[in-house]
Each structure stands twice: as structure tokens, then as C-alpha cells.
Amino acid sequence: MDRSQRRIAFVTTTGVGFLGAVALAARALRPRGDDSSPLPGDDLVPGATIVETHQIDIDAPAATIWPWLVQLGYGRGGFYSFDLLERLAGVGMTNARRVEPQWQDLAVGDQVRLAADAALAVARLEPERCLVLSSDGGAAPPGAGMDFDFSWAFVLDEPGGLGSGGCRLRIRERYRPRRGATTAVVRAMRPVARLMTYGMMWGLRRRCRA
């Protein structure tokens, strides 16, 4: 085996091992939030058959966290998750390291892009309280077969038990697939989605405490 062949073998083996480790880590994660607790935006996808709620406590007030949420999106602040995984997925995402004034103007009806050719619409926006995105009014790549309704809520609470200035971020995803086959696809993707959500929560926590 010559040098170039050894290099290809090394890169391939490393890549497969890395993706395998990611898959195992993703499957080990479980949502820590309470799916039964009502949150803003639940009404957007009534009868959702797949619901997951994540939460994290952040040692910062809602006023500090909110600007980071407002600038979420492809071509904006990114999603603060794992840079390496986003690069491997080929989405070309850049995750901001600071709050940028040009990305703070967001309103109901605006689109928040997930990638160059995919977007969700802002359905609810209450400053320092909640940002809810919806597939209704969004955009999907031609032929993508996105045959499900979806909402993605980011909710900030300041419970007294967190101490002075502490805040709880809850993130809820609600899916209503229109076909049985779509349900299987959504469930199969849940482990990776959980991993990226965890990356986002911890990325937000690091940025708000910096």
C-alpha cells in the first residue's frame, strides 16, 4: 500500500469511526423536559404524534439570552451547535461568537433559514419570552418530500429556584407526519436531532456566560 492509499484508508477509517461514535452518543441522549407542560406554540401543530422537549438552566437573565435566539438561522448567527458535524453535513453553517446588531430585527412572518434552500416561518415572537418557528409559511427544497407539520419553540422562564438572574430555556419540537412512512423517517432522525439540540443548548450557555 503506497502513501496515498494509506492516507485514504486512514481518513475513511477515522470518518467511519467518528460517525459511529456520534450515532452511539446521539442514541444515548434523552429529552429532559416535560412534554405535558403547555408551551407557547403547542396550538400550531394540534394532534402532534411526536413531541420532544429539552431544557437547560443558564446562569444569565432572559434579556441576555434573547438576542442570541433572535439571530438564529443559516446566513445569520447559525444554531450554535457542533461546527464539525455541521461541516460534515455540508450545510455551510457559521455559528456566531457574538451578538450582531444587524440580525436583531425579527418579526412574525419572517423566515428563519435552516439551510440555503430550507426555512421555517416565525409564528410567535414575544421578546425575552418565546420564539416559535413553524413549517407553515416556511420553505423546503423541491422534491424533498417534507410531508409533515412542524413547530419549534424556544421558551425562556426565570423560575425563582434558579437564583438571582438565572433562566431556564425550554426547546420543544412537535411533529405531525401525514403518512406512516414519514413517521418512520422522523423517528429515525430523532437521535441526530437530539444531539444537535444538546449542542445548541450548551453552545448558548457558553456564549451567554462568556
N, C-alpha and C. Protein backbone atom coordinates (compact mmCIF):
# COMPACT_ATOMS: atom_id res chain seq x y z
N MET A 1 0.85 -1.20 0.00
CA MET A 1 0.00 0.00 0.00
C MET A 1 0.88 1.24 0.00
N ASP A 2 0.70 2.14 -1.01
CA ASP A 2 1.54 3.33 -1.06
C ASP A 2 1.01 4.40 -0.12
N ARG A 3 1.70 5.54 -0.12
CA ARG A 3 1.38 6.60 0.85
C ARG A 3 -0.03 7.16 0.65
N SER A 4 -0.41 7.40 -0.61
CA SER A 4 -1.74 7.96 -0.87
C SER A 4 -2.84 7.00 -0.46
N GLN A 5 -2.62 5.70 -0.69
CA GLN A 5 -3.61 4.70 -0.29
C GLN A 5 -3.74 4.63 1.22
N ARG A 6 -2.61 4.72 1.91
CA ARG A 6 -2.65 4.71 3.39
C ARG A 6 -3.41 5.93 3.91
N ARG A 7 -3.20 7.07 3.25
CA ARG A 7 -3.89 8.29 3.69
C ARG A 7 -5.40 8.15 3.50
N ILE A 8 -5.81 7.61 2.33
CA ILE A 8 -7.25 7.41 2.08
C ILE A 8 -7.84 6.44 3.10
N ALA A 9 -7.12 5.36 3.37
CA ALA A 9 -7.60 4.38 4.34
C ALA A 9 -7.74 4.99 5.73
N PHE A 10 -6.76 5.83 6.11
CA PHE A 10 -6.80 6.47 7.42
C PHE A 10 -8.00 7.41 7.53
N VAL A 11 -8.20 8.25 6.50
CA VAL A 11 -9.31 9.21 6.52
C VAL A 11 -10.64 8.47 6.56
N THR A 12 -10.77 7.41 5.75
CA THR A 12 -12.02 6.65 5.71
C THR A 12 -12.32 5.99 7.05
N THR A 13 -11.30 5.33 7.61
CA THR A 13 -11.49 4.65 8.90
C THR A 13 -11.82 5.64 10.00
N THR A 14 -11.11 6.77 10.01
CA THR A 14 -11.37 7.80 11.02
C THR A 14 -12.78 8.35 10.89
N GLY A 15 -13.20 8.61 9.63
CA GLY A 15 -14.54 9.16 9.41
C GLY A 15 -15.63 8.21 9.84
N VAL A 16 -15.48 6.93 9.49
CA VAL A 16 -16.47 5.92 9.87
C VAL A 16 -16.52 5.78 11.39
N GLY A 17 -15.36 5.76 12.03
CA GLY A 17 -15.32 5.64 13.48
C GLY A 17 -15.96 6.83 14.16
N PHE A 18 -15.69 8.02 13.62
CA PHE A 18 -16.26 9.24 14.20
C PHE A 18 -17.78 9.24 14.07
N LEU A 19 -18.28 8.91 12.88
CA LEU A 19 -19.73 8.89 12.68
C LEU A 19 -20.40 7.83 13.55
N GLY A 20 -19.70 6.69 13.73
CA GLY A 20 -20.24 5.66 14.61
C GLY A 20 -20.35 6.14 16.04
N ALA A 21 -19.32 6.86 16.50
CA ALA A 21 -19.34 7.40 17.85
C ALA A 21 -20.45 8.43 18.01
N VAL A 22 -20.66 9.25 16.99
CA VAL A 22 -21.74 10.23 17.02
C VAL A 22 -23.09 9.54 17.13
N ALA A 23 -23.29 8.49 16.33
CA ALA A 23 -24.56 7.76 16.35
C ALA A 23 -24.83 7.16 17.73
N LEU A 24 -23.80 6.57 18.35
CA LEU A 24 -23.98 5.98 19.68
C LEU A 24 -24.30 7.04 20.71
N ALA A 25 -23.58 8.17 20.65
CA ALA A 25 -23.82 9.26 21.60
C ALA A 25 -25.22 9.81 21.44
N ALA A 26 -25.66 9.98 20.18
CA ALA A 26 -26.98 10.54 19.91
C ALA A 26 -28.09 9.64 20.46
N ARG A 27 -27.93 8.33 20.29
CA ARG A 27 -28.96 7.39 20.75
C ARG A 27 -29.02 7.33 22.28
N ALA A 28 -27.94 7.69 22.94
CA ALA A 28 -27.92 7.65 24.40
C ALA A 28 -28.61 8.87 25.02
N LEU A 29 -28.82 9.92 24.23
CA LEU A 29 -29.43 11.14 24.76
C LEU A 29 -30.94 10.98 24.86
N ARG A 30 -31.50 11.58 25.88
CA ARG A 30 -32.95 11.58 26.04
C ARG A 30 -33.39 12.99 26.44
N PRO A 31 -34.54 13.44 25.92
CA PRO A 31 -35.03 14.77 26.31
C PRO A 31 -35.26 14.83 27.82
N ARG A 32 -34.95 15.97 28.42
CA ARG A 32 -35.08 16.14 29.87
C ARG A 32 -36.25 17.04 30.25
N GLY A 33 -36.97 17.55 29.27
CA GLY A 33 -38.10 18.41 29.58
C GLY A 33 -39.40 17.64 29.72
N ASP A 34 -40.44 18.33 30.18
CA ASP A 34 -41.75 17.73 30.40
C ASP A 34 -42.64 18.02 29.20
N ASP A 35 -42.94 16.99 28.41
CA ASP A 35 -43.76 17.17 27.21
C ASP A 35 -45.19 17.57 27.54
N SER A 36 -45.66 17.29 28.74
CA SER A 36 -47.05 17.57 29.10
C SER A 36 -47.26 19.01 29.56
N SER A 37 -46.19 19.73 29.84
CA SER A 37 -46.31 21.11 30.29
C SER A 37 -46.61 22.01 29.09
N PRO A 38 -47.71 22.77 29.11
CA PRO A 38 -48.07 23.62 27.97
C PRO A 38 -47.00 24.68 27.69
N LEU A 39 -46.72 24.89 26.41
CA LEU A 39 -45.77 25.91 26.00
C LEU A 39 -46.35 26.72 24.85
N PRO A 40 -45.92 27.95 24.67
CA PRO A 40 -46.37 28.72 23.51
C PRO A 40 -46.07 27.98 22.21
N GLY A 41 -47.03 28.00 21.30
CA GLY A 41 -46.86 27.35 20.01
C GLY A 41 -47.40 25.95 19.93
N ASP A 42 -47.82 25.36 21.06
CA ASP A 42 -48.37 24.00 21.02
C ASP A 42 -49.58 23.92 20.10
N ASP A 43 -50.32 25.01 20.00
CA ASP A 43 -51.54 25.01 19.19
C ASP A 43 -51.28 25.00 17.69
N LEU A 44 -50.04 25.25 17.29
CA LEU A 44 -49.73 25.32 15.86
C LEU A 44 -49.77 23.96 15.19
N VAL A 45 -49.46 22.92 15.95
CA VAL A 45 -49.50 21.56 15.41
C VAL A 45 -50.37 20.70 16.33
N PRO A 46 -51.70 20.89 16.27
CA PRO A 46 -52.59 20.08 17.11
C PRO A 46 -52.53 18.62 16.67
N GLY A 47 -52.62 17.73 17.63
CA GLY A 47 -52.58 16.32 17.29
C GLY A 47 -51.21 15.82 16.91
N ALA A 48 -50.16 16.54 17.33
CA ALA A 48 -48.80 16.09 17.04
C ALA A 48 -48.57 14.69 17.61
N THR A 49 -47.98 13.82 16.84
CA THR A 49 -47.74 12.44 17.30
C THR A 49 -46.31 12.24 17.79
N ILE A 50 -45.43 13.18 17.50
CA ILE A 50 -44.05 13.13 18.00
C ILE A 50 -43.76 14.47 18.66
N VAL A 51 -43.47 14.43 19.96
CA VAL A 51 -43.19 15.65 20.73
C VAL A 51 -41.95 15.40 21.58
N GLU A 52 -41.00 16.32 21.54
CA GLU A 52 -39.83 16.22 22.40
C GLU A 52 -39.52 17.59 22.98
N THR A 53 -39.22 17.61 24.28
CA THR A 53 -38.93 18.85 24.99
C THR A 53 -37.58 18.73 25.68
N HIS A 54 -36.70 19.65 25.40
CA HIS A 54 -35.40 19.71 26.05
C HIS A 54 -35.34 20.97 26.91
N GLN A 55 -34.51 20.95 27.93
CA GLN A 55 -34.36 22.15 28.74
C GLN A 55 -32.96 22.22 29.32
N ILE A 56 -32.56 23.47 29.61
CA ILE A 56 -31.26 23.70 30.22
C ILE A 56 -31.36 24.97 31.06
N ASP A 57 -30.70 24.98 32.21
CA ASP A 57 -30.66 26.17 33.05
C ASP A 57 -29.39 26.95 32.72
N ILE A 58 -29.56 28.26 32.52
CA ILE A 58 -28.46 29.13 32.13
C ILE A 58 -28.30 30.22 33.17
N ASP A 59 -27.07 30.43 33.60
CA ASP A 59 -26.79 31.44 34.62
C ASP A 59 -26.71 32.83 33.98
N ALA A 60 -27.85 33.25 33.43
CA ALA A 60 -27.95 34.56 32.78
C ALA A 60 -29.43 34.90 32.67
N PRO A 61 -29.77 36.19 32.67
CA PRO A 61 -31.18 36.57 32.56
C PRO A 61 -31.70 36.42 31.14
N ALA A 62 -33.02 36.42 30.99
CA ALA A 62 -33.63 36.30 29.67
C ALA A 62 -33.16 37.41 28.73
N ALA A 63 -32.94 38.59 29.27
CA ALA A 63 -32.50 39.72 28.44
C ALA A 63 -31.15 39.46 27.79
N THR A 64 -30.32 38.63 28.41
CA THR A 64 -29.02 38.29 27.83
C THR A 64 -29.15 37.17 26.80
N ILE A 65 -30.03 36.23 27.05
CA ILE A 65 -30.18 35.07 26.16
C ILE A 65 -30.97 35.44 24.90
N TRP A 66 -31.96 36.30 25.04
CA TRP A 66 -32.86 36.60 23.94
C TRP A 66 -32.16 37.04 22.65
N PRO A 67 -31.19 37.97 22.68
CA PRO A 67 -30.54 38.38 21.42
C PRO A 67 -29.89 37.23 20.66
N TRP A 68 -29.40 36.22 21.38
CA TRP A 68 -28.81 35.06 20.72
C TRP A 68 -29.89 34.24 20.01
N LEU A 69 -31.08 34.13 20.62
CA LEU A 69 -32.18 33.40 19.98
C LEU A 69 -32.68 34.13 18.73
N VAL A 70 -32.79 35.44 18.82
CA VAL A 70 -33.31 36.23 17.71
C VAL A 70 -32.46 36.09 16.45
N GLN A 71 -31.15 35.90 16.63
CA GLN A 71 -30.29 35.84 15.45
C GLN A 71 -30.04 34.41 14.96
N LEU A 72 -30.82 33.44 15.44
CA LEU A 72 -30.71 32.08 14.94
C LEU A 72 -30.92 32.02 13.43
N GLY A 73 -30.22 31.08 12.78
CA GLY A 73 -30.53 30.80 11.38
C GLY A 73 -29.33 30.76 10.46
N TYR A 74 -29.48 30.03 9.39
CA TYR A 74 -28.48 29.98 8.33
C TYR A 74 -28.34 31.37 7.71
N GLY A 75 -27.10 31.80 7.49
CA GLY A 75 -26.87 33.12 6.95
C GLY A 75 -27.01 34.21 7.99
N ARG A 76 -27.28 33.81 9.24
CA ARG A 76 -27.36 34.75 10.36
C ARG A 76 -26.39 34.25 11.44
N GLY A 77 -26.89 34.02 12.65
CA GLY A 77 -26.00 33.60 13.73
C GLY A 77 -25.72 32.12 13.79
N GLY A 78 -26.39 31.32 12.93
CA GLY A 78 -26.23 29.87 12.98
C GLY A 78 -27.11 29.27 14.06
N PHE A 79 -26.75 28.08 14.54
CA PHE A 79 -27.52 27.40 15.57
C PHE A 79 -26.66 27.00 16.76
N TYR A 80 -25.43 27.49 16.83
CA TYR A 80 -24.54 27.35 18.00
C TYR A 80 -24.25 25.91 18.38
N SER A 81 -24.42 24.98 17.45
CA SER A 81 -24.23 23.57 17.77
C SER A 81 -22.81 23.14 17.40
N PHE A 82 -22.65 21.89 16.96
CA PHE A 82 -21.32 21.34 16.71
C PHE A 82 -20.83 21.74 15.32
N ASP A 83 -19.82 22.59 15.27
CA ASP A 83 -19.31 23.08 13.99
C ASP A 83 -18.87 21.94 13.08
N LEU A 84 -18.18 20.95 13.65
CA LEU A 84 -17.65 19.86 12.84
C LEU A 84 -18.77 19.06 12.19
N LEU A 85 -19.81 18.75 12.96
CA LEU A 85 -20.93 17.98 12.40
C LEU A 85 -21.65 18.76 11.32
N GLU A 86 -21.79 20.06 11.52
CA GLU A 86 -22.44 20.89 10.50
C GLU A 86 -21.62 20.93 9.23
N ARG A 87 -20.30 20.97 9.38
CA ARG A 87 -19.45 20.95 8.18
C ARG A 87 -19.54 19.61 7.47
N LEU A 88 -19.55 18.50 8.24
CA LEU A 88 -19.68 17.18 7.63
C LEU A 88 -21.00 17.03 6.88
N ALA A 89 -22.04 17.67 7.41
CA ALA A 89 -23.35 17.61 6.76
C ALA A 89 -23.39 18.49 5.51
N GLY A 90 -22.40 19.34 5.33
CA GLY A 90 -22.31 20.17 4.14
C GLY A 90 -23.28 21.32 4.10
N VAL A 91 -23.76 21.79 5.26
CA VAL A 91 -24.74 22.87 5.26
C VAL A 91 -24.10 24.25 5.20
N GLY A 92 -22.79 24.32 5.36
CA GLY A 92 -22.12 25.61 5.26
C GLY A 92 -22.52 26.59 6.34
N MET A 93 -22.76 26.10 7.54
CA MET A 93 -23.22 26.93 8.64
C MET A 93 -22.05 27.61 9.34
N THR A 94 -22.25 28.87 9.72
CA THR A 94 -21.29 29.59 10.55
C THR A 94 -21.98 29.99 11.84
N ASN A 95 -21.42 29.61 12.98
CA ASN A 95 -22.02 29.92 14.27
C ASN A 95 -21.37 31.15 14.87
N ALA A 96 -22.19 32.17 15.12
CA ALA A 96 -21.68 33.44 15.62
C ALA A 96 -21.10 33.31 17.03
N ARG A 97 -20.10 34.11 17.30
CA ARG A 97 -19.47 34.15 18.62
C ARG A 97 -19.88 35.39 19.41
N ARG A 98 -20.69 36.22 18.79
CA ARG A 98 -21.17 37.42 19.48
C ARG A 98 -22.52 37.84 18.92
N VAL A 99 -23.22 38.66 19.65
CA VAL A 99 -24.49 39.20 19.20
C VAL A 99 -24.21 40.28 18.16
N GLU A 100 -24.91 40.17 17.01
CA GLU A 100 -24.71 41.11 15.92
C GLU A 100 -25.96 41.97 15.73
N PRO A 101 -25.83 43.29 15.79
CA PRO A 101 -27.00 44.18 15.68
C PRO A 101 -27.80 43.98 14.40
N GLN A 102 -27.16 43.63 13.28
CA GLN A 102 -27.89 43.51 12.02
C GLN A 102 -28.81 42.32 11.98
N TRP A 103 -28.71 41.41 12.95
CA TRP A 103 -29.57 40.23 12.98
C TRP A 103 -30.62 40.30 14.08
N GLN A 104 -30.83 41.46 14.65
CA GLN A 104 -31.75 41.58 15.78
C GLN A 104 -33.17 41.99 15.37
N ASP A 105 -33.36 42.28 14.09
CA ASP A 105 -34.67 42.71 13.62
C ASP A 105 -35.43 41.50 13.08
N LEU A 106 -36.26 40.90 13.91
CA LEU A 106 -37.02 39.72 13.53
C LEU A 106 -38.48 39.93 13.90
N ALA A 107 -39.41 39.50 13.03
CA ALA A 107 -40.83 39.73 13.27
C ALA A 107 -41.63 38.52 12.83
N VAL A 108 -42.85 38.41 13.35
CA VAL A 108 -43.76 37.34 12.94
C VAL A 108 -43.94 37.40 11.42
N GLY A 109 -43.86 36.24 10.78
CA GLY A 109 -43.97 36.16 9.33
C GLY A 109 -42.63 36.09 8.62
N ASP A 110 -41.55 36.51 9.29
CA ASP A 110 -40.22 36.38 8.70
C ASP A 110 -39.82 34.92 8.60
N GLN A 111 -38.90 34.62 7.70
CA GLN A 111 -38.38 33.27 7.58
C GLN A 111 -37.02 33.15 8.27
N VAL A 112 -36.82 32.04 8.95
CA VAL A 112 -35.53 31.69 9.55
C VAL A 112 -35.02 30.47 8.79
N ARG A 113 -33.93 30.64 8.11
CA ARG A 113 -33.44 29.58 7.23
C ARG A 113 -32.69 28.51 8.01
N LEU A 114 -32.96 27.25 7.66
CA LEU A 114 -32.25 26.11 8.22
C LEU A 114 -31.04 25.76 7.36
N ALA A 115 -31.14 26.06 6.08
CA ALA A 115 -30.09 25.85 5.09
C ALA A 115 -30.38 26.81 3.95
N ALA A 116 -29.57 26.74 2.90
CA ALA A 116 -29.75 27.69 1.80
C ALA A 116 -31.12 27.57 1.16
N ASP A 117 -31.70 26.36 1.13
CA ASP A 117 -32.96 26.14 0.44
C ASP A 117 -34.07 25.63 1.34
N ALA A 118 -33.95 25.86 2.63
CA ALA A 118 -34.98 25.41 3.57
C ALA A 118 -35.17 26.46 4.66
N ALA A 119 -36.42 26.68 5.05
CA ALA A 119 -36.69 27.70 6.06
C ALA A 119 -37.96 27.39 6.82
N LEU A 120 -38.04 27.93 8.03
CA LEU A 120 -39.26 27.93 8.83
C LEU A 120 -39.72 29.38 8.96
N ALA A 121 -41.00 29.57 9.30
CA ALA A 121 -41.53 30.91 9.47
C ALA A 121 -41.70 31.23 10.95
N VAL A 122 -41.51 32.49 11.29
CA VAL A 122 -41.73 32.94 12.67
C VAL A 122 -43.24 33.03 12.90
N ALA A 123 -43.74 32.20 13.81
CA ALA A 123 -45.18 32.15 14.09
C ALA A 123 -45.54 32.90 15.38
N ARG A 124 -44.65 32.89 16.35
CA ARG A 124 -44.85 33.61 17.60
C ARG A 124 -43.54 34.28 17.98
N LEU A 125 -43.63 35.49 18.51
CA LEU A 125 -42.44 36.19 18.98
C LEU A 125 -42.83 37.13 20.10
N GLU A 126 -42.40 36.79 21.30
CA GLU A 126 -42.60 37.65 22.47
C GLU A 126 -41.21 37.93 23.05
N PRO A 127 -40.71 39.15 22.92
CA PRO A 127 -39.35 39.46 23.37
C PRO A 127 -39.06 38.99 24.79
N GLU A 128 -37.92 38.32 24.92
CA GLU A 128 -37.43 37.79 26.19
C GLU A 128 -38.33 36.72 26.79
N ARG A 129 -39.25 36.20 25.97
CA ARG A 129 -40.17 35.16 26.45
C ARG A 129 -40.20 33.94 25.52
N CYS A 130 -40.55 34.13 24.24
CA CYS A 130 -40.64 32.96 23.36
C CYS A 130 -40.42 33.33 21.90
N LEU A 131 -39.84 32.38 21.18
CA LEU A 131 -39.70 32.43 19.73
C LEU A 131 -40.18 31.07 19.23
N VAL A 132 -41.21 31.08 18.37
CA VAL A 132 -41.76 29.83 17.86
C VAL A 132 -41.71 29.85 16.33
N LEU A 133 -41.08 28.83 15.76
CA LEU A 133 -40.96 28.69 14.31
C LEU A 133 -41.90 27.59 13.83
N SER A 134 -42.38 27.73 12.61
CA SER A 134 -43.37 26.79 12.09
C SER A 134 -43.08 26.44 10.63
N SER A 135 -43.43 25.22 10.24
CA SER A 135 -43.32 24.82 8.84
C SER A 135 -44.35 25.54 7.98
N ASP A 136 -45.44 26.01 8.59
CA ASP A 136 -46.47 26.75 7.87
C ASP A 136 -45.92 28.13 7.50
N GLY A 137 -45.73 28.36 6.21
CA GLY A 137 -45.12 29.61 5.77
C GLY A 137 -43.63 29.48 5.52
N GLY A 138 -43.10 28.29 5.73
CA GLY A 138 -41.68 28.06 5.51
C GLY A 138 -41.40 27.66 4.07
N ALA A 139 -40.22 27.09 3.84
CA ALA A 139 -39.80 26.68 2.51
C ALA A 139 -39.00 25.40 2.60
N ALA A 140 -39.14 24.55 1.58
CA ALA A 140 -38.41 23.28 1.54
C ALA A 140 -37.85 23.09 0.14
N PRO A 141 -36.73 22.34 0.01
CA PRO A 141 -36.16 22.10 -1.31
C PRO A 141 -37.16 21.36 -2.20
N PRO A 142 -37.19 21.62 -3.51
CA PRO A 142 -38.09 20.90 -4.41
C PRO A 142 -37.86 19.38 -4.33
N GLY A 143 -38.95 18.64 -4.19
CA GLY A 143 -38.85 17.20 -4.15
C GLY A 143 -38.34 16.63 -2.85
N ALA A 144 -38.28 17.46 -1.80
CA ALA A 144 -37.73 16.98 -0.52
C ALA A 144 -38.70 16.05 0.21
N GLY A 145 -39.97 16.11 -0.15
CA GLY A 145 -40.94 15.22 0.49
C GLY A 145 -41.16 15.54 1.96
N MET A 146 -41.20 16.84 2.32
CA MET A 146 -41.38 17.22 3.72
C MET A 146 -42.87 17.17 4.06
N ASP A 147 -43.42 15.96 4.09
CA ASP A 147 -44.85 15.81 4.29
C ASP A 147 -45.20 15.64 5.77
N PHE A 148 -44.84 16.64 6.55
CA PHE A 148 -45.25 16.68 7.95
C PHE A 148 -45.35 18.13 8.39
N ASP A 149 -46.20 18.38 9.39
CA ASP A 149 -46.31 19.70 10.00
C ASP A 149 -45.36 19.74 11.19
N PHE A 150 -44.75 20.91 11.43
CA PHE A 150 -43.69 21.00 12.42
C PHE A 150 -43.70 22.36 13.10
N SER A 151 -43.45 22.36 14.40
CA SER A 151 -43.21 23.62 15.12
C SER A 151 -42.01 23.44 16.03
N TRP A 152 -41.30 24.54 16.24
CA TRP A 152 -40.05 24.53 17.01
C TRP A 152 -40.10 25.74 17.94
N ALA A 153 -40.26 25.49 19.22
CA ALA A 153 -40.44 26.59 20.19
C ALA A 153 -39.22 26.74 21.09
N PHE A 154 -38.84 27.98 21.32
CA PHE A 154 -37.77 28.34 22.25
C PHE A 154 -38.40 29.24 23.31
N VAL A 155 -38.47 28.75 24.54
CA VAL A 155 -39.20 29.46 25.60
C VAL A 155 -38.27 29.73 26.77
N LEU A 156 -38.29 30.97 27.25
CA LEU A 156 -37.46 31.39 28.38
C LEU A 156 -38.33 31.62 29.61
N ASP A 157 -37.92 31.04 30.73
CA ASP A 157 -38.57 31.26 32.02
C ASP A 157 -37.50 31.64 33.03
N GLU A 158 -37.90 32.41 34.04
CA GLU A 158 -36.98 32.79 35.11
C GLU A 158 -37.54 32.31 36.44
N PRO A 159 -37.53 30.99 36.68
CA PRO A 159 -38.05 30.45 37.95
C PRO A 159 -37.24 30.94 39.13
N GLY A 160 -37.93 31.19 40.24
CA GLY A 160 -37.23 31.68 41.42
C GLY A 160 -36.19 30.72 41.95
N GLY A 161 -36.39 29.42 41.73
CA GLY A 161 -35.46 28.43 42.26
C GLY A 161 -34.09 28.45 41.62
N LEU A 162 -33.94 29.17 40.50
CA LEU A 162 -32.64 29.21 39.83
C LEU A 162 -31.72 30.27 40.41
N GLY A 163 -32.21 31.03 41.35
CA GLY A 163 -31.38 32.07 41.94
C GLY A 163 -31.46 33.36 41.15
N SER A 164 -30.79 34.37 41.64
CA SER A 164 -30.84 35.70 41.03
C SER A 164 -30.28 35.69 39.62
N GLY A 165 -31.10 36.09 38.66
CA GLY A 165 -30.62 36.23 37.29
C GLY A 165 -30.61 34.97 36.47
N GLY A 166 -30.95 33.81 37.05
CA GLY A 166 -30.92 32.56 36.30
C GLY A 166 -32.14 32.41 35.40
N CYS A 167 -31.97 31.64 34.33
CA CYS A 167 -33.06 31.47 33.37
C CYS A 167 -33.09 30.04 32.88
N ARG A 168 -34.28 29.53 32.59
CA ARG A 168 -34.44 28.20 32.02
C ARG A 168 -34.88 28.31 30.57
N LEU A 169 -34.15 27.65 29.70
CA LEU A 169 -34.52 27.59 28.29
C LEU A 169 -35.14 26.24 28.00
N ARG A 170 -36.35 26.26 27.44
CA ARG A 170 -37.01 25.02 27.02
C ARG A 170 -37.18 25.05 25.50
N ILE A 171 -36.83 23.96 24.87
CA ILE A 171 -36.94 23.83 23.41
C ILE A 171 -37.86 22.66 23.10
N ARG A 172 -38.91 22.93 22.37
CA ARG A 172 -39.87 21.87 22.06
C ARG A 172 -40.06 21.73 20.54
N GLU A 173 -40.02 20.48 20.09
CA GLU A 173 -40.32 20.14 18.70
C GLU A 173 -41.62 19.33 18.67
N ARG A 174 -42.50 19.71 17.77
CA ARG A 174 -43.77 18.99 17.59
C ARG A 174 -43.92 18.62 16.12
N TYR A 175 -44.16 17.32 15.87
CA TYR A 175 -44.31 16.82 14.51
C TYR A 175 -45.67 16.16 14.33
N ARG A 176 -46.27 16.37 13.16
CA ARG A 176 -47.47 15.64 12.78
C ARG A 176 -47.26 15.11 11.35
N PRO A 177 -46.69 13.91 11.23
CA PRO A 177 -46.49 13.32 9.90
C PRO A 177 -47.83 13.05 9.21
N ARG A 178 -47.84 13.18 7.90
CA ARG A 178 -49.08 12.95 7.15
C ARG A 178 -49.18 11.53 6.62
N ARG A 179 -48.09 10.77 6.71
CA ARG A 179 -48.08 9.38 6.25
C ARG A 179 -47.30 8.52 7.24
N GLY A 180 -47.62 7.24 7.27
CA GLY A 180 -46.91 6.33 8.17
C GLY A 180 -45.43 6.26 7.86
N ALA A 181 -45.08 6.28 6.57
CA ALA A 181 -43.68 6.21 6.18
C ALA A 181 -42.91 7.42 6.69
N THR A 182 -43.57 8.57 6.70
CA THR A 182 -42.91 9.78 7.20
C THR A 182 -42.65 9.68 8.69
N THR A 183 -43.56 9.08 9.43
CA THR A 183 -43.36 8.88 10.87
C THR A 183 -42.07 8.10 11.12
N ALA A 184 -41.86 7.05 10.33
CA ALA A 184 -40.65 6.24 10.50
C ALA A 184 -39.40 7.05 10.22
N VAL A 185 -39.44 7.91 9.20
CA VAL A 185 -38.28 8.74 8.86
C VAL A 185 -37.98 9.73 9.97
N VAL A 186 -39.03 10.39 10.48
CA VAL A 186 -38.84 11.37 11.55
C VAL A 186 -38.26 10.70 12.80
N ARG A 187 -38.80 9.55 13.16
CA ARG A 187 -38.28 8.85 14.35
C ARG A 187 -36.83 8.41 14.15
N ALA A 188 -36.50 8.01 12.94
CA ALA A 188 -35.13 7.57 12.67
C ALA A 188 -34.14 8.73 12.81
N MET A 189 -34.60 9.94 12.53
CA MET A 189 -33.72 11.11 12.60
C MET A 189 -33.64 11.72 14.00
N ARG A 190 -34.47 11.26 14.93
CA ARG A 190 -34.50 11.87 16.25
C ARG A 190 -33.16 11.84 16.97
N PRO A 191 -32.40 10.73 16.96
CA PRO A 191 -31.13 10.74 17.70
C PRO A 191 -30.18 11.86 17.27
N VAL A 192 -30.04 12.07 15.96
CA VAL A 192 -29.15 13.12 15.47
C VAL A 192 -29.71 14.50 15.84
N ALA A 193 -31.04 14.66 15.72
CA ALA A 193 -31.66 15.94 16.09
C ALA A 193 -31.44 16.24 17.57
N ARG A 194 -31.53 15.21 18.42
CA ARG A 194 -31.29 15.40 19.85
C ARG A 194 -29.86 15.86 20.09
N LEU A 195 -28.92 15.23 19.42
CA LEU A 195 -27.52 15.58 19.59
C LEU A 195 -27.27 17.04 19.21
N MET A 196 -27.84 17.47 18.09
CA MET A 196 -27.66 18.85 17.65
C MET A 196 -28.36 19.82 18.60
N THR A 197 -29.50 19.41 19.17
CA THR A 197 -30.19 20.27 20.14
C THR A 197 -29.35 20.43 21.40
N TYR A 198 -28.75 19.34 21.87
CA TYR A 198 -27.86 19.43 23.02
C TYR A 198 -26.70 20.36 22.72
N GLY A 199 -26.14 20.22 21.53
CA GLY A 199 -25.05 21.11 21.15
C GLY A 199 -25.48 22.57 21.15
N MET A 200 -26.69 22.83 20.66
CA MET A 200 -27.21 24.19 20.65
C MET A 200 -27.39 24.74 22.06
N MET A 201 -27.98 23.95 22.95
CA MET A 201 -28.22 24.42 24.31
C MET A 201 -26.92 24.76 25.03
N TRP A 202 -25.93 23.86 24.92
CA TRP A 202 -24.66 24.11 25.58
C TRP A 202 -23.89 25.24 24.89
N GLY A 203 -24.06 25.36 23.57
CA GLY A 203 -23.44 26.47 22.87
C GLY A 203 -24.01 27.80 23.32
N LEU A 204 -25.32 27.86 23.51
CA LEU A 204 -25.95 29.07 24.02
C LEU A 204 -25.48 29.38 25.45
N ARG A 205 -25.41 28.34 26.26
CA ARG A 205 -24.97 28.54 27.64
C ARG A 205 -23.56 29.13 27.70
N ARG A 206 -22.64 28.59 26.89
CA ARG A 206 -21.27 29.11 26.87
C ARG A 206 -21.24 30.56 26.42
N ARG A 207 -22.01 30.88 25.39
CA ARG A 207 -21.99 32.25 24.87
C ARG A 207 -22.58 33.24 25.85
N CYS A 208 -23.64 32.84 26.55
CA CYS A 208 -24.31 33.78 27.48
C CYS A 208 -23.50 33.97 28.76
N ARG A 209 -22.59 33.04 29.05
CA ARG A 209 -21.78 33.18 30.25
C ARG A 209 -20.41 33.78 29.97
N ALA A 210 -20.11 33.97 28.68
CA ALA A 210 -18.78 34.48 28.31
C ALA A 210 -18.62 35.94 28.73
